Amino acid sequence: MDYRILNTIGSKYSVEAKEIINQLGSVDYLDLDQEKLEEIISGYNIVVVGLGLNINKKVIDKAVNLKLIATATTGLDHIDTGYAKEKNIAVLSLRGETEFLNTITGTAELAFGLAIDLLRKTPFAFNSVMNNEWNREKFRGHNVYGKTLGIVGLGRLGCWMARYGKAFGMRVIATDPNIDNDIFVKEGCAKVSFDELLAQSDIVSLHVHLSTETEGMFNKDVFSKMRQGSYLINTSRGKIVDQGDLIEVLERGAVAGYATDVLSDELEYDGGLKDQPLVEYAKSHNNVIIVPHIGGMTYESREATDIFIAQKVLDFFR
């Protein structure tokens, strides 16, 4: 085997994963922007890509020698999978790898951490101290104990979120039409309808894939059904939440706070943000926390997923 491989994870790629994928041929480990990707993609048979680069129709049209796209993600909105299929380019990802993914907990851990940060106002309290202030009363927050946690999507990450909620003494409810009742029972979650979850939850946490059914799922109508003063956590995809409608309900306090590591237009940004409406809102309000898509960005998660995908690529060609 002697393929030309572009690894866009670059120098940060796991050493062990490099040893696996190097068996396939010549590998270039490069840190690229979108323009450079479009410029050089024609010379490669395999591309390993993470979030931040968009394997869209324009890129695929230029990728005249490409046989395989590999991504260590479950979400695939950064790849035009339909067009890749038309061009006979295979796509390998983490989607459906349940046994392995059950060991990858970073995103769920972040989601629960963001919930605590939002209710306890910890980022804003830290900023206050950095400005040489010491004002405890200004940052009086709320317990999570005794609150109702509503989970939208009781898949792998939703189940981890449920366990964390139970460990903190929360009542946990969930909605997911694709999950069997015995999973709800196993995780100690009350199975409710979507509208019941909105009405009962103090904290709503999203754990669903982006699809035509979920894009814009949380809009003005859905926000109007949420419990007054509840909080929303989104570590799924930014486009699941209608950003304009969200800002409106945050401004009038119908939703008390929002924490996320995803933005609806994040694939358009190449290392920096400019005039992003939710980011601009957050600059002058203390009810929004935004971090840069770091759910899976732990040393443990990155190494494990790099190795898993590298082995999956090797197995594909064998």
Protein backbone atom coordinates (compact mmCIF):
# COMPACT_ATOMS: atom_id res chain seq x y z
CA MET A 1 0.00 0.00 0.00
CA ASP A 2 1.34 3.40 -0.97
CA TYR A 3 -1.32 6.07 -0.67
CA ARG A 4 -0.79 9.81 -0.36
CA ILE A 5 -2.45 10.95 2.85
CA LEU A 6 -3.25 14.45 4.08
CA ASN A 7 -3.68 14.65 7.85
CA THR A 8 -5.11 18.08 8.70
CA ILE A 9 -4.87 17.49 12.45
CA GLY A 10 -1.21 18.31 11.94
CA SER A 11 1.48 18.13 14.59
CA LYS A 12 -1.10 17.54 17.35
CA TYR A 13 -1.97 14.11 15.99
CA SER A 14 -1.36 11.23 18.41
CA VAL A 15 2.05 9.54 18.10
CA GLU A 16 0.47 6.07 18.27
CA ALA A 17 -2.09 7.03 15.64
CA LYS A 18 0.72 8.24 13.39
CA GLU A 19 2.40 4.84 13.65
CA ILE A 20 -0.82 3.19 12.46
CA ILE A 21 -1.66 5.49 9.57
CA ASN A 22 1.94 5.73 8.34
CA GLN A 23 1.61 2.08 7.30
CA LEU A 24 -0.61 3.15 4.42
CA GLY A 25 1.92 5.33 2.64
CA SER A 26 3.24 8.88 2.64
CA VAL A 27 1.52 11.16 5.19
CA ASP A 28 1.69 14.95 5.33
CA TYR A 29 0.74 16.34 8.75
CA LEU A 30 -0.29 19.91 8.02
CA ASP A 31 -2.13 22.71 9.82
CA LEU A 32 -4.26 24.21 7.05
CA ASP A 33 -6.83 26.88 6.40
CA GLN A 34 -9.72 26.31 4.00
CA GLU A 35 -7.99 28.06 1.08
CA LYS A 36 -4.86 25.94 1.39
CA LEU A 37 -6.94 22.77 1.64
CA GLU A 38 -8.65 23.60 -1.65
CA GLU A 39 -5.27 24.32 -3.23
CA ILE A 40 -3.56 21.01 -2.38
CA ILE A 41 -6.35 18.42 -1.98
CA SER A 42 -5.97 17.14 -5.56
CA GLY A 43 -2.69 15.45 -4.65
CA TYR A 44 -4.11 13.10 -2.03
CA ASN A 45 -5.93 9.77 -1.88
CA ILE A 46 -6.95 10.01 1.79
CA VAL A 47 -7.74 13.01 3.98
CA VAL A 48 -8.01 12.91 7.77
CA VAL A 49 -9.95 15.95 8.91
CA GLY A 50 -11.28 17.42 12.14
CA LEU A 51 -13.65 20.28 12.84
CA GLY A 52 -12.65 23.65 11.47
CA LEU A 53 -12.25 22.63 7.84
CA ASN A 54 -15.17 22.12 5.50
CA ILE A 55 -15.08 19.23 3.02
CA ASN A 56 -17.73 20.78 0.82
CA LYS A 57 -18.64 20.41 -2.86
CA LYS A 58 -15.90 22.83 -3.92
CA VAL A 59 -13.23 20.80 -2.11
CA ILE A 60 -14.58 17.47 -3.36
CA ASP A 61 -14.61 18.70 -6.96
CA LYS A 62 -10.91 19.52 -6.63
CA ALA A 63 -10.14 16.18 -4.91
CA VAL A 64 -9.80 14.22 -8.14
CA ASN A 65 -7.73 11.43 -6.54
CA LEU A 66 -9.55 11.17 -3.22
CA LYS A 67 -10.78 7.76 -2.13
CA LEU A 68 -11.52 8.32 1.58
CA ILE A 69 -12.43 11.06 4.07
CA ALA A 70 -11.85 10.16 7.73
CA THR A 71 -13.05 12.26 10.65
CA ALA A 72 -12.80 11.55 14.38
CA THR A 73 -16.25 13.04 15.01
CA THR A 74 -19.84 11.86 15.30
CA GLY A 75 -21.23 15.02 13.71
CA LEU A 76 -20.74 15.21 9.94
CA ASP A 77 -22.00 18.70 9.11
CA HIS A 78 -18.45 19.69 8.06
CA ILE A 79 -18.54 17.10 5.26
CA ASP A 80 -20.89 17.01 2.25
CA THR A 81 -21.48 13.27 2.67
CA GLY A 82 -24.09 13.10 -0.08
CA TYR A 83 -21.81 14.60 -2.68
CA ALA A 84 -18.88 12.48 -1.50
CA LYS A 85 -21.00 9.39 -2.09
CA GLU A 86 -21.86 10.61 -5.60
CA LYS A 87 -18.13 10.86 -6.28
CA ASN A 88 -17.48 7.36 -4.84
CA ILE A 89 -15.51 8.77 -1.92
CA ALA A 90 -15.96 6.81 1.30
CA VAL A 91 -16.50 8.61 4.62
CA LEU A 92 -15.36 7.07 7.92
CA SER A 93 -16.37 8.61 11.24
CA LEU A 94 -17.17 7.76 14.85
CA ARG A 95 -20.91 7.70 14.20
CA GLY A 96 -22.43 4.40 15.28
CA GLU A 97 -19.29 3.20 17.11
CA THR A 98 -21.27 2.81 20.33
CA GLU A 99 -18.95 0.51 22.27
CA PHE A 100 -15.95 2.76 21.72
CA LEU A 101 -17.85 6.00 22.17
CA ASN A 102 -19.13 4.90 25.57
CA THR A 103 -15.57 5.44 26.81
CA ILE A 104 -15.42 9.03 25.46
CA THR A 105 -17.05 11.23 28.08
CA GLY A 106 -15.52 14.67 27.51
CA THR A 107 -18.52 16.36 25.89
CA ALA A 108 -20.97 15.21 28.56
CA GLU A 109 -18.55 16.28 31.30
CA LEU A 110 -18.30 19.71 29.72
CA ALA A 111 -22.09 19.98 29.39
CA PHE A 112 -22.61 19.34 33.09
CA GLY A 113 -19.73 21.65 33.99
CA LEU A 114 -21.28 24.40 31.89
CA ALA A 115 -24.59 23.91 33.71
CA ILE A 116 -22.88 24.41 37.07
CA ASP A 117 -20.92 27.40 35.76
CA LEU A 118 -24.11 28.98 34.43
CA LEU A 119 -26.09 28.51 37.64
CA ARG A 120 -23.19 29.57 39.87
CA LYS A 121 -21.95 32.38 37.58
CA THR A 122 -18.37 31.17 38.00
CA PRO A 123 -16.84 32.71 34.83
CA PHE A 124 -18.26 36.11 35.73
CA ALA A 125 -17.16 35.79 39.35
CA PHE A 126 -13.65 34.94 38.18
CA ASN A 127 -13.58 37.98 35.89
CA SER A 128 -14.67 40.12 38.83
CA VAL A 129 -11.79 38.88 40.97
CA MET A 130 -9.37 39.51 38.10
CA ASN A 131 -10.59 43.12 38.24
CA ASN A 132 -9.58 43.21 41.93
CA GLU A 133 -13.15 42.95 43.24
CA TRP A 134 -14.37 40.73 46.08
CA ASN A 135 -18.16 40.78 46.02
CA ARG A 136 -19.81 37.51 47.08
CA GLU A 137 -23.39 38.76 47.01
CA LYS A 138 -23.10 39.87 43.38
CA PHE A 139 -22.64 36.25 42.35
CA ARG A 140 -25.27 34.48 44.41
CA GLY A 141 -26.30 31.51 42.26
CA HIS A 142 -28.45 28.39 42.38
CA ASN A 143 -27.94 24.76 43.47
CA VAL A 144 -28.37 21.96 40.96
CA TYR A 145 -29.48 19.65 43.80
CA GLY A 146 -33.24 19.18 43.71
CA LYS A 147 -33.62 20.74 40.26
CA THR A 148 -35.08 18.96 37.23
CA LEU A 149 -32.67 18.14 34.43
CA GLY A 150 -34.31 17.59 31.05
CA ILE A 151 -32.28 15.71 28.46
CA VAL A 152 -33.18 15.96 24.78
CA GLY A 153 -31.66 12.85 23.22
CA LEU A 154 -30.88 9.89 25.47
CA GLY A 155 -28.06 8.43 23.41
CA ARG A 156 -24.51 7.91 24.61
CA LEU A 157 -23.89 11.48 25.81
CA GLY A 158 -27.44 11.87 27.07
CA CYS A 159 -26.98 8.79 29.26
CA TRP A 160 -23.75 10.16 30.72
CA MET A 161 -25.50 13.46 31.40
CA ALA A 162 -28.30 11.59 33.18
CA ARG A 163 -25.77 9.82 35.42
CA TYR A 164 -24.13 13.10 36.37
CA GLY A 165 -27.52 14.62 37.15
CA LYS A 166 -28.49 11.70 39.37
CA ALA A 167 -25.13 11.89 41.18
CA PHE A 168 -25.84 15.54 41.99
CA GLY A 169 -29.28 14.76 43.40
CA MET A 170 -31.32 16.01 40.47
CA ARG A 171 -34.59 14.71 39.12
CA VAL A 172 -33.80 13.56 35.58
CA ILE A 173 -36.31 13.40 32.74
CA ALA A 174 -35.64 12.75 29.06
CA THR A 175 -37.24 12.59 25.66
CA ASP A 176 -36.07 10.48 22.73
CA PRO A 177 -38.40 8.62 20.34
CA ASN A 178 -35.54 6.41 19.12
CA ILE A 179 -34.55 4.93 22.49
CA ASP A 180 -36.16 1.86 24.07
CA ASN A 181 -37.97 2.20 27.38
CA ASP A 182 -35.51 -0.07 29.16
CA ILE A 183 -32.73 2.49 28.63
CA PHE A 184 -34.83 5.13 30.39
CA VAL A 185 -35.36 2.71 33.26
CA LYS A 186 -31.67 1.74 33.39
CA GLU A 187 -30.55 5.37 33.55
CA GLY A 188 -33.20 6.36 36.10
CA CYS A 189 -34.89 8.83 33.74
CA ALA A 190 -38.59 9.52 33.56
CA LYS A 191 -39.68 9.28 29.90
CA VAL A 192 -41.69 12.35 28.92
CA SER A 193 -42.88 14.06 25.77
CA PHE A 194 -40.90 16.97 24.34
CA ASP A 195 -43.48 19.51 25.52
CA GLU A 196 -43.58 17.96 29.00
CA LEU A 197 -39.81 18.19 29.20
CA LEU A 198 -39.86 21.86 28.25
CA ALA A 199 -42.51 22.67 30.84
CA GLN A 200 -40.89 20.76 33.72
CA SER A 201 -37.13 21.27 33.32
CA ASP A 202 -35.03 23.78 35.22
CA ILE A 203 -32.09 22.87 32.95
CA VAL A 204 -32.49 21.55 29.39
CA SER A 205 -29.44 19.86 27.86
CA LEU A 206 -29.24 19.03 24.15
CA HIS A 207 -27.67 15.76 22.97
CA VAL A 208 -28.98 15.22 19.43
CA HIS A 209 -27.35 15.15 16.01
CA LEU A 210 -27.89 18.00 13.58
CA SER A 211 -30.35 16.94 10.88
CA THR A 212 -33.20 18.40 8.86
CA GLU A 213 -35.48 17.51 11.78
CA THR A 214 -33.34 19.15 14.48
CA GLU A 215 -32.03 22.25 12.65
CA GLY A 216 -33.72 25.27 14.24
CA MET A 217 -35.47 22.93 16.67
CA PHE A 218 -35.20 25.43 19.54
CA ASN A 219 -37.03 28.44 18.15
CA LYS A 220 -39.45 31.08 19.39
CA ASP A 221 -42.30 28.58 19.69
CA VAL A 222 -40.23 26.08 21.70
CA PHE A 223 -38.77 28.80 23.94
CA SER A 224 -42.31 29.91 24.78
CA LYS A 225 -43.00 26.40 26.15
CA MET A 226 -39.92 26.30 28.38
CA ARG A 227 -40.27 26.80 32.10
CA GLN A 228 -39.88 30.47 33.00
CA GLY A 229 -36.32 31.15 34.15
CA SER A 230 -34.90 27.81 32.95
CA TYR A 231 -31.44 27.29 31.47
CA LEU A 232 -30.37 25.78 28.15
CA ILE A 233 -27.12 23.84 27.55
CA ASN A 234 -26.03 23.04 23.99
CA THR A 235 -22.96 20.90 23.28
CA SER A 236 -24.51 19.35 20.14
CA ARG A 237 -24.50 21.73 17.18
CA GLY A 238 -25.12 25.47 17.00
CA LYS A 239 -27.75 25.27 14.27
CA ILE A 240 -30.09 23.30 16.53
CA VAL A 241 -30.84 26.59 18.29
CA ASP A 242 -32.26 29.59 16.44
CA GLN A 243 -29.77 32.20 17.56
CA GLY A 244 -31.97 35.25 16.90
CA ASP A 245 -34.91 33.83 18.84
CA LEU A 246 -32.54 32.79 21.65
CA ILE A 247 -31.14 36.30 22.08
CA GLU A 248 -34.68 37.69 22.27
CA VAL A 249 -35.75 35.36 25.11
CA LEU A 250 -32.47 35.89 26.95
CA GLU A 251 -32.92 39.67 26.82
CA ARG A 252 -36.33 39.49 28.47
CA GLY A 253 -35.37 36.76 30.94
CA ALA A 254 -37.77 34.10 29.71
CA VAL A 255 -34.73 31.85 29.46
CA ALA A 256 -32.38 32.62 32.37
CA GLY A 257 -29.17 31.53 30.68
CA TYR A 258 -27.48 29.69 27.83
CA ALA A 259 -24.17 27.82 27.79
CA THR A 260 -22.61 26.31 24.68
CA ASP A 261 -19.43 25.23 22.96
CA VAL A 262 -20.97 25.45 19.47
CA LEU A 263 -22.09 28.31 17.22
CA SER A 264 -24.44 28.14 14.26
CA ASP A 265 -21.88 29.59 11.85
CA GLU A 266 -18.65 28.26 13.38
CA LEU A 267 -17.53 26.57 10.16
CA GLU A 268 -17.30 30.01 8.54
CA TYR A 269 -14.65 31.20 10.99
CA ASP A 270 -10.98 30.54 10.38
CA GLY A 271 -9.34 31.14 13.75
CA GLY A 272 -11.30 34.26 14.70
CA LEU A 273 -14.76 35.67 15.25
CA LYS A 274 -16.16 38.90 13.87
CA ASP A 275 -19.55 40.40 14.64
CA GLN A 276 -21.04 37.08 15.72
CA PRO A 277 -24.42 38.12 17.24
CA LEU A 278 -24.44 35.73 20.20
CA VAL A 279 -20.81 36.50 21.02
CA GLU A 280 -21.56 40.24 20.85
CA TYR A 281 -24.54 39.72 23.18
CA ALA A 282 -22.39 37.74 25.64
CA LYS A 283 -19.84 40.55 25.85
CA SER A 284 -22.33 42.74 27.70
CA HIS A 285 -24.42 40.13 29.58
CA ASN A 286 -23.69 37.59 32.30
CA ASN A 287 -26.22 34.93 31.31
CA VAL A 288 -24.34 33.40 28.36
CA ILE A 289 -21.20 31.25 28.40
CA ILE A 290 -19.51 30.38 25.10
CA VAL A 291 -16.38 28.25 24.69
CA PRO A 292 -14.80 27.19 21.34
CA HIS A 293 -16.16 23.69 20.62
CA ILE A 294 -14.01 22.02 23.28
CA GLY A 295 -16.38 19.20 24.27
CA GLY A 296 -14.15 16.48 22.89
CA MET A 297 -10.90 18.41 23.29
CA THR A 298 -9.34 16.57 26.19
CA TYR A 299 -5.95 14.87 25.95
CA GLU A 300 -7.56 11.51 26.70
CA SER A 301 -10.40 11.89 24.19
CA ARG A 302 -8.22 13.21 21.40
CA GLU A 303 -5.64 10.45 21.71
CA ALA A 304 -8.25 7.69 21.88
CA THR A 305 -10.25 8.97 18.91
CA ASP A 306 -7.16 9.60 16.77
CA ILE A 307 -6.00 6.01 17.34
CA PHE A 308 -9.45 4.57 16.72
CA ILE A 309 -9.94 6.40 13.41
CA ALA A 310 -6.40 5.63 12.25
CA GLN A 311 -7.02 1.92 12.83
CA LYS A 312 -10.39 2.20 11.09
CA VAL A 313 -8.70 3.74 8.03
CA LEU A 314 -6.05 1.00 8.01
CA ASP A 315 -8.71 -1.72 8.28
CA PHE A 316 -10.72 -0.13 5.47
CA PHE A 317 -7.87 -0.48 2.97
CA ARG A 318 -6.85 -3.91 4.20
